[in-house]
PDB file of N, CA and C in Angstrom:
ATOM      1  N   MET A   1      -7.591  -0.498 -16.044  1.00  0.00           N
ATOM      2  CA  MET A   1      -8.586  -1.210 -15.005  1.00  0.00           C
ATOM      3  C   MET A   1      -7.961  -1.393 -13.678  1.00  0.00           C
ATOM      4  N   GLN A   2      -8.488  -1.179 -12.369  1.00  0.00           N
ATOM      5  CA  GLN A   2      -7.986  -1.332 -11.107  1.00  0.00           C
ATOM      6  C   GLN A   2      -7.983  -2.486 -10.743  1.00  0.00           C
ATOM      7  N   GLN A   3      -7.228  -2.844 -10.079  1.00  0.00           N
ATOM      8  CA  GLN A   3      -6.964  -4.483  -9.750  1.00  0.00           C
ATOM      9  C   GLN A   3      -6.696  -4.288  -7.900  1.00  0.00           C
ATOM     10  N   THR A   4      -7.871  -5.250  -7.356  1.00  0.00           N
ATOM     11  CA  THR A   4      -7.375  -5.177  -5.798  1.00  0.00           C
ATOM     12  C   THR A   4      -7.532  -6.583  -5.462  1.00  0.00           C
ATOM     13  N   ALA A   5      -6.624  -6.505  -4.161  1.00  0.00           N
ATOM     14  CA  ALA A   5      -6.276  -8.050  -3.482  1.00  0.00           C
ATOM     15  C   ALA A   5      -6.474  -7.941  -2.061  1.00  0.00           C
ATOM     16  N   THR A   6      -6.952  -8.777  -1.543  1.00  0.00           N
ATOM     17  CA  THR A   6      -6.694  -8.770  -0.012  1.00  0.00           C
ATOM     18  C   THR A   6      -5.594  -9.492   0.085  1.00  0.00           C
ATOM     19  N   LEU A   7      -4.693  -9.021   1.489  1.00  0.00           N
ATOM     20  CA  LEU A   7      -3.680  -9.845   1.704  1.00  0.00           C
ATOM     21  C   LEU A   7      -3.552  -9.998   3.368  1.00  0.00           C
ATOM     22  N   GLU A   8      -3.071 -11.131   3.893  1.00  0.00           N
ATOM     23  CA  GLU A   8      -3.005 -10.996   5.617  1.00  0.00           C
ATOM     24  C   GLU A   8      -1.362 -10.929   6.061  1.00  0.00           C
ATOM     25  N   THR A   9      -1.170  -9.820   6.801  1.00  0.00           N
ATOM     26  CA  THR A   9       0.244  -9.777   7.224  1.00  0.00           C
ATOM     27  C   THR A   9       0.627 -10.349   8.028  1.00  0.00           C
ATOM     28  N   TRP A  10       1.727 -10.436   8.224  1.00  0.00           N
ATOM     29  CA  TRP A  10       2.455 -11.560   9.383  1.00  0.00           C
ATOM     30  C   TRP A  10       1.958 -11.783  10.794  1.00  0.00           C
ATOM     31  N   ASP A  11       1.313 -10.062  11.368  1.00  0.00           N
ATOM     32  CA  ASP A  11       0.514 -10.217  12.365  1.00  0.00           C
ATOM     33  C   ASP A  11      -1.044 -10.278  12.321  1.00  0.00           C
ATOM     34  N   GLY A  12      -1.294 -10.855  11.233  1.00  0.00           N
ATOM     35  CA  GLY A  12      -2.820 -11.455  11.213  1.00  0.00           C
ATOM     36  C   GLY A  12      -3.523 -10.295  10.831  1.00  0.00           C
ATOM     37  N   THR A  13      -3.288  -9.112  10.191  1.00  0.00           N
ATOM     38  CA  THR A  13      -4.009  -7.838  10.027  1.00  0.00           C
ATOM     39  C   THR A  13      -4.499  -8.022   8.065  1.00  0.00           C
ATOM     40  N   ASN A  14      -5.734  -7.841   8.337  1.00  0.00           N
ATOM     41  CA  ASN A  14      -5.961  -8.074   6.631  1.00  0.00           C
ATOM     42  C   ASN A  14      -5.566  -6.880   6.080  1.00  0.00           C
ATOM     43  N   VAL A  15      -5.089  -6.721   5.123  1.00  0.00           N
ATOM     44  CA  VAL A  15      -4.808  -5.480   4.133  1.00  0.00           C
ATOM     45  C   VAL A  15      -5.621  -5.388   2.755  1.00  0.00           C
ATOM     46  N   GLU A  16      -6.268  -4.404   2.516  1.00  0.00           N
ATOM     47  CA  GLU A  16      -6.698  -4.135   0.716  1.00  0.00           C
ATOM     48  C   GLU A  16      -5.696  -3.761   0.255  1.00  0.00           C
ATOM     49  N   VAL A  17      -5.340  -4.291  -0.865  1.00  0.00           N
ATOM     50  CA  VAL A  17      -4.400  -3.740  -2.021  1.00  0.00           C
ATOM     51  C   VAL A  17      -5.102  -3.197  -3.231  1.00  0.00           C
ATOM     52  N   GLU A  18      -4.924  -2.007  -3.998  1.00  0.00           N
ATOM     53  CA  GLU A  18      -5.692  -1.856  -4.936  1.00  0.00           C
ATOM     54  C   GLU A  18      -4.327  -1.167  -6.102  1.00  0.00           C
ATOM     55  N   HIS A  19      -4.239  -1.711  -6.895  1.00  0.00           N
ATOM     56  CA  HIS A  19      -3.243  -0.773  -7.973  1.00  0.00           C
ATOM     57  C   HIS A  19      -4.226   0.317  -8.813  1.00  0.00           C
ATOM     58  N   VAL A  20      -3.523   1.439  -8.591  1.00  0.00           N
ATOM     59  CA  VAL A  20      -3.990   2.479  -8.651  1.00  0.00           C
ATOM     60  C   VAL A  20      -3.900   2.965 -10.150  1.00  0.00           C
ATOM     61  N   GLN A  21      -2.453   2.746 -10.827  1.00  0.00           N
ATOM     62  CA  GLN A  21      -1.973   3.177 -12.058  1.00  0.00           C
ATOM     63  C   GLN A  21      -0.582   2.707 -11.898  1.00  0.00           C
ATOM     64  N   ASP A  22       0.015   2.250 -13.360  1.00  0.00           N
ATOM     65  CA  ASP A  22       1.294   2.428 -13.462  1.00  0.00           C
ATOM     66  C   ASP A  22       2.114   3.779 -13.572  1.00  0.00           C
ATOM     67  N   LEU A  23       3.349   3.984 -13.200  1.00  0.00           N
ATOM     68  CA  LEU A  23       4.067   5.151 -13.138  1.00  0.00           C
ATOM     69  C   LEU A  23       4.968   5.304 -14.537  1.00  0.00           C
ATOM     70  N   ALA A  24       5.032   6.527 -14.872  1.00  0.00           N
ATOM     71  CA  ALA A  24       5.882   6.688 -15.941  1.00  0.00           C
ATOM     72  C   ALA A  24       7.367   6.271 -15.186  1.00  0.00           C
ATOM     73  N   GLY A  25       8.321   5.474 -16.150  1.00  0.00           N
ATOM     74  CA  GLY A  25       9.758   5.049 -15.855  1.00  0.00           C
ATOM     75  C   GLY A  25       9.359   4.118 -14.986  1.00  0.00           C
ATOM     76  N   GLY A  26       8.188   3.431 -14.689  1.00  0.00           N
ATOM     77  CA  GLY A  26       8.248   1.999 -14.215  1.00  0.00           C
ATOM     78  C   GLY A  26       7.613   2.175 -12.828  1.00  0.00           C
ATOM     79  N   GLY A  27       7.195   0.745 -12.264  1.00  0.00           N
ATOM     80  CA  GLY A  27       7.150   1.306 -11.117  1.00  0.00           C
ATOM     81  C   GLY A  27       5.385   1.176 -11.121  1.00  0.00           C
ATOM     82  N   ALA A  28       4.706   1.365  -9.724  1.00  0.00           N
ATOM     83  CA  ALA A  28       3.324   1.789  -9.834  1.00  0.00           C
ATOM     84  C   ALA A  28       2.831   2.469  -8.617  1.00  0.00           C
ATOM     85  N   ARG A  29       1.968   2.802  -8.420  1.00  0.00           N
ATOM     86  CA  ARG A  29       0.763   3.502  -7.562  1.00  0.00           C
ATOM     87  C   ARG A  29      -0.121   2.631  -6.617  1.00  0.00           C
ATOM     88  N   PHE A  30       0.020   2.466  -5.286  1.00  0.00           N
ATOM     89  CA  PHE A  30      -0.965   1.464  -4.937  1.00  0.00           C
ATOM     90  C   PHE A  30      -2.013   2.273  -3.967  1.00  0.00           C
ATOM     91  N   ASP A  31      -3.165   2.091  -3.293  1.00  0.00           N
ATOM     92  CA  ASP A  31      -3.671   2.227  -2.269  1.00  0.00           C
ATOM     93  C   ASP A  31      -3.756   1.160  -1.225  1.00  0.00           C
ATOM     94  N   ILE A  32      -3.586   1.241  -0.130  1.00  0.00           N
ATOM     95  CA  ILE A  32      -3.135  -0.073   0.907  1.00  0.00           C
ATOM     96  C   ILE A  32      -3.974   0.367   2.057  1.00  0.00           C
ATOM     97  N   GLU A  33      -4.978  -0.230   2.228  1.00  0.00           N
ATOM     98  CA  GLU A  33      -5.721  -0.358   3.423  1.00  0.00           C
ATOM     99  C   GLU A  33      -5.764  -0.974   4.159  1.00  0.00           C
ATOM    100  N   ALA A  34      -5.509  -0.909   5.775  1.00  0.00           N
ATOM    101  CA  ALA A  34      -5.438  -1.859   6.651  1.00  0.00           C
ATOM    102  C   ALA A  34      -6.945  -2.108   7.066  1.00  0.00           C
ATOM    103  N   GLU A  35      -7.294  -3.006   7.636  1.00  0.00           N
ATOM    104  CA  GLU A  35      -8.352  -3.661   8.149  1.00  0.00           C
ATOM    105  C   GLU A  35      -8.853  -2.709   9.401  1.00  0.00           C
ATOM    106  N   ALA A  36      -9.751  -1.685   9.321  1.00  0.00           N
ATOM    107  CA  ALA A  36     -10.509  -1.128  10.376  1.00  0.00           C
ATOM    108  C   ALA A  36      -9.518  -0.244  10.867  1.00  0.00           C
ATOM    109  N   GLY A  37      -8.515   0.475  10.048  1.00  0.00           N
ATOM    110  CA  GLY A  37      -7.841   1.064   9.888  1.00  0.00           C
ATOM    111  C   GLY A  37      -7.128   2.159   8.996  1.00  0.00           C
ATOM    112  N   PRO A  38      -5.694   2.788   9.103  1.00  0.00           N
ATOM    113  CA  PRO A  38      -5.777   3.604   8.022  1.00  0.00           C
ATOM    114  C   PRO A  38      -5.266   3.070   6.950  1.00  0.00           C
ATOM    115  N   ARG A  39      -5.161   4.106   5.747  1.00  0.00           N
ATOM    116  CA  ARG A  39      -5.173   4.000   4.368  1.00  0.00           C
ATOM    117  C   ARG A  39      -3.780   4.557   4.091  1.00  0.00           C
ATOM    118  N   TRP A  40      -2.971   4.155   3.173  1.00  0.00           N
ATOM    119  CA  TRP A  40      -1.762   4.968   2.561  1.00  0.00           C
ATOM    120  C   TRP A  40      -1.705   4.619   0.849  1.00  0.00           C
ATOM    121  N   ARG A  41      -1.543   5.839   0.298  1.00  0.00           N
ATOM    122  CA  ARG A  41      -1.255   5.999  -1.186  1.00  0.00           C
ATOM    123  C   ARG A  41       0.571   5.968  -1.557  1.00  0.00           C
ATOM    124  N   LEU A  42       0.834   4.639  -1.832  1.00  0.00           N
ATOM    125  CA  LEU A  42       2.541   4.701  -1.983  1.00  0.00           C
ATOM    126  C   LEU A  42       2.550   4.815  -3.695  1.00  0.00           C
ATOM    127  N   ASP A  43       3.708   5.156  -3.856  1.00  0.00           N
ATOM    128  CA  ASP A  43       4.466   4.994  -5.307  1.00  0.00           C
ATOM    129  C   ASP A  43       5.589   4.142  -4.943  1.00  0.00           C
ATOM    130  N   VAL A  44       5.329   2.921  -5.743  1.00  0.00           N
ATOM    131  CA  VAL A  44       6.529   1.685  -5.573  1.00  0.00           C
ATOM    132  C   VAL A  44       7.006   1.705  -6.984  1.00  0.00           C
ATOM    133  N   SER A  45       8.890   1.650  -6.328  1.00  0.00           N
ATOM    134  CA  SER A  45       9.549   1.637  -7.916  1.00  0.00           C
ATOM    135  C   SER A  45       9.781   0.266  -7.962  1.00  0.00           C
ATOM    136  N   LYS A  46      10.224   0.091  -9.058  1.00  0.00           N
ATOM    137  CA  LYS A  46      10.533  -1.002  -9.709  1.00  0.00           C
ATOM    138  C   LYS A  46      11.336  -1.791  -8.794  1.00  0.00           C
ATOM    139  N   THR A  47      12.322  -1.343  -8.117  1.00  0.00           N
ATOM    140  CA  THR A  47      13.259  -1.897  -6.867  1.00  0.00           C
ATOM    141  C   THR A  47      12.658  -1.865  -5.712  1.00  0.00           C
ATOM    142  N   GLY A  48      11.382  -1.686  -5.603  1.00  0.00           N
ATOM    143  CA  GLY A  48      10.569  -1.726  -3.731  1.00  0.00           C
ATOM    144  C   GLY A  48      10.983  -0.772  -3.030  1.00  0.00           C
ATOM    145  N   THR A  49      11.416   0.442  -3.518  1.00  0.00           N
ATOM    146  CA  THR A  49      11.503   1.743  -2.528  1.00  0.00           C
ATOM    147  C   THR A  49       9.850   2.067  -2.876  1.00  0.00           C
ATOM    148  N   TYR A  50       9.495   2.560  -1.733  1.00  0.00           N
ATOM    149  CA  TYR A  50       8.409   3.124  -1.950  1.00  0.00           C
ATOM    150  C   TYR A  50       8.157   4.711  -1.218  1.00  0.00           C
ATOM    151  N   GLU A  51       7.211   5.245  -1.405  1.00  0.00           N
ATOM    152  CA  GLU A  51       7.491   6.670  -1.313  1.00  0.00           C
ATOM    153  C   GLU A  51       5.578   6.953  -0.820  1.00  0.00           C
ATOM    154  N   VAL A  52       5.350   7.460   0.517  1.00  0.00           N
ATOM    155  CA  VAL A  52       4.231   7.628   0.430  1.00  0.00           C
ATOM    156  C   VAL A  52       3.509   8.872   0.010  1.00  0.00           C
ATOM    157  N   VAL A  53       2.518   8.764  -0.916  1.00  0.00           N
ATOM    158  CA  VAL A  53       1.959   9.908  -1.366  1.00  0.00           C
ATOM    159  C   VAL A  53       1.075  11.135  -1.002  1.00  0.00           C
ATOM    160  N   THR A  54       0.424   9.951   0.200  1.00  0.00           N
ATOM    161  CA  THR A  54      -0.803  10.521   0.768  1.00  0.00           C
ATOM    162  C   THR A  54      -1.244   9.433   1.867  1.00  0.00           C
ATOM    163  N   SER A  55      -1.902  10.104   3.264  1.00  0.00           N
ATOM    164  CA  SER A  55      -2.387   8.642   4.085  1.00  0.00           C
ATOM    165  C   SER A  55      -3.542   9.776   4.693  1.00  0.00           C
ATOM    166  N   TRP A  56      -4.302   8.635   5.156  1.00  0.00           N
ATOM    167  CA  TRP A  56      -5.587   8.625   5.849  1.00  0.00           C
ATOM    168  C   TRP A  56      -5.237   7.987   6.925  1.00  0.00           C
ATOM    169  N   ASP A  57      -6.163   8.460   8.148  1.00  0.00           N
ATOM    170  CA  ASP A  57      -6.241   7.848   9.425  1.00  0.00           C
ATOM    171  C   ASP A  57      -7.297   6.809   9.425  1.00  0.00           C
ATOM    172  N   ALA A  58      -7.661   6.461  10.241  1.00  0.00           N
ATOM    173  CA  ALA A  58      -8.645   5.351  10.261  1.00  0.00           C
ATOM    174  C   ALA A  58     -10.326   5.863  10.454  1.00  0.00           C
ATOM    175  N   ARG A  59     -10.602   7.529  10.617  1.00  0.00           N
ATOM    176  CA  ARG A  59     -11.604   7.733  10.275  1.00  0.00           C
ATOM    177  C   ARG A  59     -12.109   8.408   8.895  1.00  0.00           C
ATOM    178  N   GLY A  60     -10.704   8.337   8.123  1.00  0.00           N
ATOM    179  CA  GLY A  60     -10.718   8.445   6.946  1.00  0.00           C
ATOM    180  C   GLY A  60     -10.467  10.161   6.435  1.00  0.00           C
ATOM    181  N   GLN A  61      -9.738  10.794   7.496  1.00  0.00           N
ATOM    182  CA  GLN A  61      -9.494  12.260   7.209  1.00  0.00           C
ATOM    183  C   GLN A  61      -7.757  12.111   7.108  1.00  0.00           C
ATOM    184  N   LEU A  62      -7.386  12.904   6.080  1.00  0.00           N
ATOM    185  CA  LEU A  62      -5.897  12.930   5.721  1.00  0.00           C
ATOM    186  C   LEU A  62      -5.182  13.290   6.925  1.00  0.00           C
ATOM    187  N   ALA A  63      -4.257  12.443   7.059  1.00  0.00           N
ATOM    188  CA  ALA A  63      -3.449  12.414   8.162  1.00  0.00           C
ATOM    189  C   ALA A  63      -1.970  11.986   7.949  1.00  0.00           C
ATOM    190  N   ASP A  64      -0.778  12.501   8.374  1.00  0.00           N
ATOM    191  CA  ASP A  64       0.820  11.623   8.527  1.00  0.00           C
ATOM    192  C   ASP A  64       0.521  10.555   9.218  1.00  0.00           C
ATOM    193  N   VAL A  65       0.481   9.605   8.715  1.00  0.00           N
ATOM    194  CA  VAL A  65      -0.006   8.028   9.233  1.00  0.00           C
ATOM    195  C   VAL A  65       1.505   7.228   9.040  1.00  0.00           C
ATOM    196  N   GLU A  66       2.210   6.955  10.239  1.00  0.00           N
ATOM    197  CA  GLU A  66       3.603   6.264   9.902  1.00  0.00           C
ATOM    198  C   GLU A  66       3.032   4.729   9.341  1.00  0.00           C
ATOM    199  N   THR A  67       3.829   4.253   8.163  1.00  0.00           N
ATOM    200  CA  THR A  67       3.890   3.125   8.194  1.00  0.00           C
ATOM    201  C   THR A  67       4.104   2.010   8.800  1.00  0.00           C
ATOM    202  N   PRO A  68       3.272   0.976   8.794  1.00  0.00           N
ATOM    203  CA  PRO A  68       3.664   0.035   9.942  1.00  0.00           C
ATOM    204  C   PRO A  68       4.569  -1.367   9.458  1.00  0.00           C
ATOM    205  N   GLU A  69       5.350  -1.662  10.511  1.00  0.00           N
ATOM    206  CA  GLU A  69       6.258  -2.396  10.084  1.00  0.00           C
ATOM    207  C   GLU A  69       6.350  -3.309   8.907  1.00  0.00           C
ATOM    208  N   TRP A  70       4.965  -4.308   8.903  1.00  0.00           N
ATOM    209  CA  TRP A  70       4.668  -5.119   7.700  1.00  0.00           C
ATOM    210  C   TRP A  70       4.539  -4.528   6.466  1.00  0.00           C
ATOM    211  N   MET A  71       4.664  -3.238   6.126  1.00  0.00           N
ATOM    212  CA  MET A  71       4.617  -2.622   4.690  1.00  0.00           C
ATOM    213  C   MET A  71       5.587  -2.983   3.896  1.00  0.00           C
ATOM    214  N   ASP A  72       6.786  -3.479   4.130  1.00  0.00           N
ATOM    215  CA  ASP A  72       8.036  -3.572   3.494  1.00  0.00           C
ATOM    216  C   ASP A  72       7.612  -5.398   3.105  1.00  0.00           C
ATOM    217  N   ASP A  73       6.870  -6.106   3.731  1.00  0.00           N
ATOM    218  CA  ASP A  73       6.472  -7.671   3.396  1.00  0.00           C
ATOM    219  C   ASP A  73       5.475  -7.302   2.532  1.00  0.00           C
ATOM    220  N   ILE A  74       4.491  -6.346   2.390  1.00  0.00           N
ATOM    221  CA  ILE A  74       3.322  -6.160   1.479  1.00  0.00           C
ATOM    222  C   ILE A  74       4.162  -5.664   0.610  1.00  0.00           C
ATOM    223  N   ILE A  75       4.920  -4.792   0.276  1.00  0.00           N
ATOM    224  CA  ILE A  75       5.656  -4.602  -1.022  1.00  0.00           C
ATOM    225  C   ILE A  75       6.241  -5.553  -1.941  1.00  0.00           C
ATOM    226  N   ALA A  76       7.347  -6.578  -0.581  1.00  0.00           N
ATOM    227  CA  ALA A  76       7.963  -7.631  -1.772  1.00  0.00           C
ATOM    228  C   ALA A  76       7.208  -8.722  -1.996  1.00  0.00           C
ATOM    229  N   ARG A  77       6.031  -8.498  -1.469  1.00  0.00           N
ATOM    230  CA  ARG A  77       4.952  -9.620  -1.856  1.00  0.00           C
ATOM    231  C   ARG A  77       4.192  -9.155  -3.412  1.00  0.00           C
ATOM    232  N   LEU A  78       4.016  -7.840  -3.520  1.00  0.00           N
ATOM    233  CA  LEU A  78       3.384  -7.289  -4.706  1.00  0.00           C
ATOM    234  C   LEU A  78       4.849  -7.536  -5.606  1.00  0.00           C
ATOM    235  N   GLN A  79       5.740  -7.157  -5.312  1.00  0.00           N
ATOM    236  CA  GLN A  79       7.048  -7.474  -6.782  1.00  0.00           C
ATOM    237  C   GLN A  79       6.982  -8.968  -7.222  1.00  0.00           C
ATOM    238  N   ARG A  80       6.799  -9.720  -6.116  1.00  0.00           N
ATOM    239  CA  ARG A  80       6.420 -11.035  -6.736  1.00  0.00           C
ATOM    240  C   ARG A  80       5.287 -11.654  -7.719  1.00  0.00           C
ATOM    241  N   ALA A  81       4.303 -11.064  -7.433  1.00  0.00           N
ATOM    242  CA  ALA A  81       3.078 -11.165  -7.703  1.00  0.00           C
ATOM    243  C   ALA A  81       3.283 -11.034  -9.394  1.00  0.00           C
TER     244      ALA A  81
END
């Protein structure tokens, strides 16, 4: 079952976080979508490091979208949940 939560970043951006699946060997895959903005699919390890698997721009097109400064904070909050 997929789990979704809406979080607010330190700069006021609302972010929807969806747990997609657990990964073999620990960690999990998440879809993270900024309000009216880009979306990232991340593989997050148990230690909090992450790798961008795929990203989409605000129009929903596949694109190489840089992760914002607040992404580390979102990942840290996911680890505490």
